[in-house]
């Protein structure tokens, strides 16, 4: 009788790939938990300290380590930032290991050893709203998302978002974040540098 999708992007895919009549498809956008909201440093200090983090002094990335998430491009873009920005804002990566991660780990190793990339792996759900709130910026250069909750959670937490302008993500972010071509490493780097250096923006 009807098909529910998370977004218009998936509705279009169902029409194009499966020939489902448009009038049978109803996009219902996802919402964000009320646990995600802006916090001040004092509210976050204890939880962040448990993960070796300081409020307002890191770039956050959230997602399973797998090819679709485009982490190699993020690592390469982050590597293009000036050394002083990397030291001030290490890249904190939250997410379990997925598939095809061996090359990614080799790419990350020198930056991890330098102390400017911090892979946290799995983080309990209860800690995530605080970890979002403490970030200086959020990066999400995913190649494909059926919705993409992490950018929405970051925005709800009051954190600037640099995000892919592909698949469903423009619907999620709208004009409240910086949309970039996920295959353009230089654009990702420039956008990250912009949100870190230009706090008014």
Protein backbone atom coordinates (compact mmCIF):
# COMPACT_ATOMS: atom_id res chain seq x y z
CA UNK A 1 0.00 0.00 0.00
CA UNK A 2 2.80 2.40 0.87
CA UNK A 3 6.56 2.64 1.29
CA UNK A 4 8.19 4.84 3.92
CA UNK A 5 11.69 6.20 3.26
CA UNK A 6 14.04 8.33 5.35
CA UNK A 7 14.39 11.04 2.72
CA UNK A 8 13.51 12.26 -0.78
CA UNK A 9 16.85 10.96 -2.07
CA UNK A 10 15.89 7.37 -1.25
CA UNK A 11 12.43 7.97 -2.71
CA UNK A 12 14.07 8.97 -6.01
CA UNK A 13 16.30 5.88 -5.88
CA UNK A 14 13.27 3.61 -5.39
CA UNK A 15 11.52 5.20 -8.35
CA UNK A 16 14.60 4.94 -10.60
CA UNK A 17 15.89 1.52 -9.53
CA UNK A 18 12.71 -0.39 -8.72
CA UNK A 19 10.00 1.46 -10.61
CA UNK A 20 7.88 2.06 -7.50
CA UNK A 21 5.09 4.54 -8.30
CA UNK A 22 5.97 7.93 -6.72
CA UNK A 23 2.53 8.32 -5.15
CA UNK A 24 3.16 5.21 -3.01
CA UNK A 25 6.40 6.50 -1.45
CA UNK A 26 6.29 8.75 1.61
CA UNK A 27 9.57 10.28 2.89
CA UNK A 28 9.61 10.70 6.67
CA UNK A 29 12.80 12.44 7.79
CA UNK A 30 14.49 11.18 10.94
CA UNK A 31 14.69 13.23 14.11
CA UNK A 32 17.46 13.66 16.65
CA UNK A 33 17.39 12.53 20.28
CA UNK A 34 16.83 15.31 22.84
CA UNK A 35 20.12 14.19 24.44
CA UNK A 36 21.95 16.17 21.74
CA UNK A 37 22.10 19.86 22.62
CA UNK A 38 24.83 22.51 23.13
CA UNK A 39 26.74 22.20 26.40
CA UNK A 40 29.31 24.37 28.16
CA UNK A 41 32.80 23.18 29.04
CA UNK A 42 32.06 22.46 32.70
CA UNK A 43 29.27 20.02 31.79
CA UNK A 44 31.61 18.05 29.56
CA UNK A 45 34.91 18.08 31.44
CA UNK A 46 34.66 14.76 33.28
CA UNK A 47 33.40 12.70 30.33
CA UNK A 48 35.88 14.24 27.90
CA UNK A 49 38.78 13.71 30.29
CA UNK A 50 37.91 10.02 30.39
CA UNK A 51 38.60 9.92 26.64
CA UNK A 52 41.67 12.18 26.78
CA UNK A 53 39.86 15.12 25.16
CA UNK A 54 39.58 18.84 25.88
CA UNK A 55 36.45 20.89 25.25
CA UNK A 56 36.56 22.86 21.99
CA UNK A 57 39.94 21.44 21.00
CA UNK A 58 39.28 18.66 18.49
CA UNK A 59 37.68 17.86 15.15
CA UNK A 60 35.21 14.99 15.41
CA UNK A 61 34.40 12.24 12.92
CA UNK A 62 31.78 9.58 13.69
CA UNK A 63 31.11 6.43 11.68
CA UNK A 64 32.15 2.86 11.04
CA UNK A 65 35.58 2.64 9.42
CA UNK A 66 34.63 1.39 5.96
CA UNK A 67 35.10 2.59 2.35
CA UNK A 68 31.66 4.24 2.07
CA UNK A 69 32.57 6.65 4.85
CA UNK A 70 35.47 8.03 2.79
CA UNK A 71 37.84 8.20 5.77
CA UNK A 72 41.01 8.13 3.59
CA UNK A 73 39.94 11.43 2.01
CA UNK A 74 39.32 12.91 5.45
CA UNK A 75 42.77 11.76 6.64
CA UNK A 76 44.39 13.25 3.54
CA UNK A 77 42.46 16.52 3.94
CA UNK A 78 43.34 16.75 7.61
CA UNK A 79 47.01 16.14 6.73
CA UNK A 80 46.88 19.28 4.56
CA UNK A 81 46.02 21.51 7.52
CA UNK A 82 48.85 23.60 9.02
CA UNK A 83 50.77 21.87 11.81
CA UNK A 84 49.60 24.35 14.43
CA UNK A 85 45.93 23.62 13.60
CA UNK A 86 46.56 19.87 13.77
CA UNK A 87 48.19 20.23 17.18
CA UNK A 88 45.42 22.47 18.49
CA UNK A 89 42.58 20.43 16.95
CA UNK A 90 43.46 16.72 16.72
CA UNK A 91 41.14 14.58 14.61
CA UNK A 92 39.10 12.34 16.92
CA UNK A 93 37.58 9.33 15.21
CA UNK A 94 34.69 7.49 16.85
CA UNK A 95 33.52 4.24 15.27
CA UNK A 96 34.09 0.53 15.07
CA UNK A 97 36.35 -1.07 12.48
CA UNK A 98 34.40 -2.17 9.43
CA UNK A 99 35.74 -3.81 6.29
CA UNK A 100 38.83 -3.03 4.17
CA UNK A 101 40.49 -1.12 7.00
CA UNK A 102 44.10 -2.35 6.76
CA UNK A 103 45.15 0.32 4.25
CA UNK A 104 43.36 2.97 6.26
CA UNK A 105 45.17 2.00 9.46
CA UNK A 106 48.53 2.21 7.68
CA UNK A 107 47.59 5.69 6.42
CA UNK A 108 46.59 6.81 9.90
CA UNK A 109 49.58 5.35 11.75
CA UNK A 110 52.04 8.26 11.35
CA UNK A 111 49.37 10.77 12.38
CA UNK A 112 48.38 8.64 15.38
CA UNK A 113 52.04 8.42 16.42
CA UNK A 114 52.33 12.21 16.00
CA UNK A 115 49.34 12.56 18.35
CA UNK A 116 47.13 14.50 15.94
CA UNK A 117 44.75 11.65 15.06
CA UNK A 118 43.01 9.87 17.95
CA UNK A 119 40.97 6.78 17.03
CA UNK A 120 38.65 6.12 19.99
CA UNK A 121 36.91 3.09 18.47
CA UNK A 122 33.61 2.22 20.14
CA UNK A 123 32.27 4.85 22.55
CA UNK A 124 29.21 4.19 24.78
CA UNK A 125 26.03 5.91 23.59
CA UNK A 126 25.76 7.77 26.90
CA UNK A 127 29.06 9.59 26.20
CA UNK A 128 28.31 10.59 22.61
CA UNK A 129 26.21 13.74 23.25
CA UNK A 130 29.06 15.15 25.35
CA UNK A 131 31.70 14.19 22.79
CA UNK A 132 29.69 15.94 20.08
CA UNK A 133 29.21 19.06 22.23
CA UNK A 134 32.92 19.31 22.96
CA UNK A 135 34.04 19.34 19.32
CA UNK A 136 35.29 22.45 17.55
CA UNK A 137 34.04 21.03 14.23
CA UNK A 138 32.46 17.89 12.83
CA UNK A 139 33.61 16.25 9.58
CA UNK A 140 31.49 13.79 7.58
CA UNK A 141 32.80 13.27 4.03
CA UNK A 142 30.72 10.11 3.40
CA UNK A 143 30.28 8.98 -0.20
CA UNK A 144 26.77 7.61 0.34
CA UNK A 145 24.15 7.89 3.09
CA UNK A 146 20.52 6.81 3.14
CA UNK A 147 20.04 9.55 5.74
CA UNK A 148 23.08 10.37 7.90
CA UNK A 149 22.23 11.00 11.54
CA UNK A 150 25.72 12.09 12.74
CA UNK A 151 25.64 15.52 11.01
CA UNK A 152 22.17 16.12 12.48
CA UNK A 153 23.42 15.14 15.94
CA UNK A 154 26.40 17.49 15.54
CA UNK A 155 24.21 20.40 14.46
CA UNK A 156 21.83 19.77 17.37
CA UNK A 157 24.90 19.95 19.62
CA UNK A 158 25.82 23.38 18.26
CA UNK A 159 28.90 22.16 16.36
CA UNK A 160 29.89 23.44 12.87
CA UNK A 161 29.53 20.70 10.25
CA UNK A 162 31.63 20.03 7.14
CA UNK A 163 29.73 17.40 5.19
CA UNK A 164 29.40 15.75 1.79
CA UNK A 165 27.03 17.41 -0.61
CA UNK A 166 25.97 14.03 -2.00
CA UNK A 167 23.15 11.46 -1.63
CA UNK A 168 20.77 12.35 1.21
CA UNK A 169 23.08 14.68 3.10
CA UNK A 170 22.00 18.01 1.58
CA UNK A 171 18.51 17.23 2.90
CA UNK A 172 19.89 16.65 6.39
CA UNK A 173 22.25 19.62 6.57
CA UNK A 174 20.44 22.17 4.42
CA UNK A 175 22.14 25.56 4.64
CA UNK A 176 23.25 25.03 8.25
CA UNK A 177 26.54 23.35 7.34
CA UNK A 178 29.34 23.44 4.78
CA UNK A 179 28.66 21.02 1.91
CA UNK A 180 31.67 19.78 -0.08
CA UNK A 181 32.47 17.33 -2.87
CA UNK A 182 33.64 14.26 -0.91
CA UNK A 183 36.13 13.38 -3.67
CA UNK A 184 37.78 16.82 -3.54
CA UNK A 185 40.35 16.48 -0.76
CA UNK A 186 41.45 20.09 -1.13
CA UNK A 187 37.88 21.34 -0.69
CA UNK A 188 37.48 19.26 2.47
CA UNK A 189 40.75 20.67 3.84
CA UNK A 190 39.80 24.26 2.96
CA UNK A 191 36.38 23.89 4.57
CA UNK A 192 37.81 22.42 7.77
CA UNK A 193 40.39 25.18 7.96
CA UNK A 194 37.67 27.77 7.40
CA UNK A 195 35.44 26.60 10.27
CA UNK A 196 38.42 26.20 12.63
CA UNK A 197 40.03 29.58 11.90
CA UNK A 198 36.94 31.72 11.33
CA UNK A 199 34.82 31.26 14.45
CA UNK A 200 32.46 34.08 13.41
CA UNK A 201 31.64 32.13 10.24
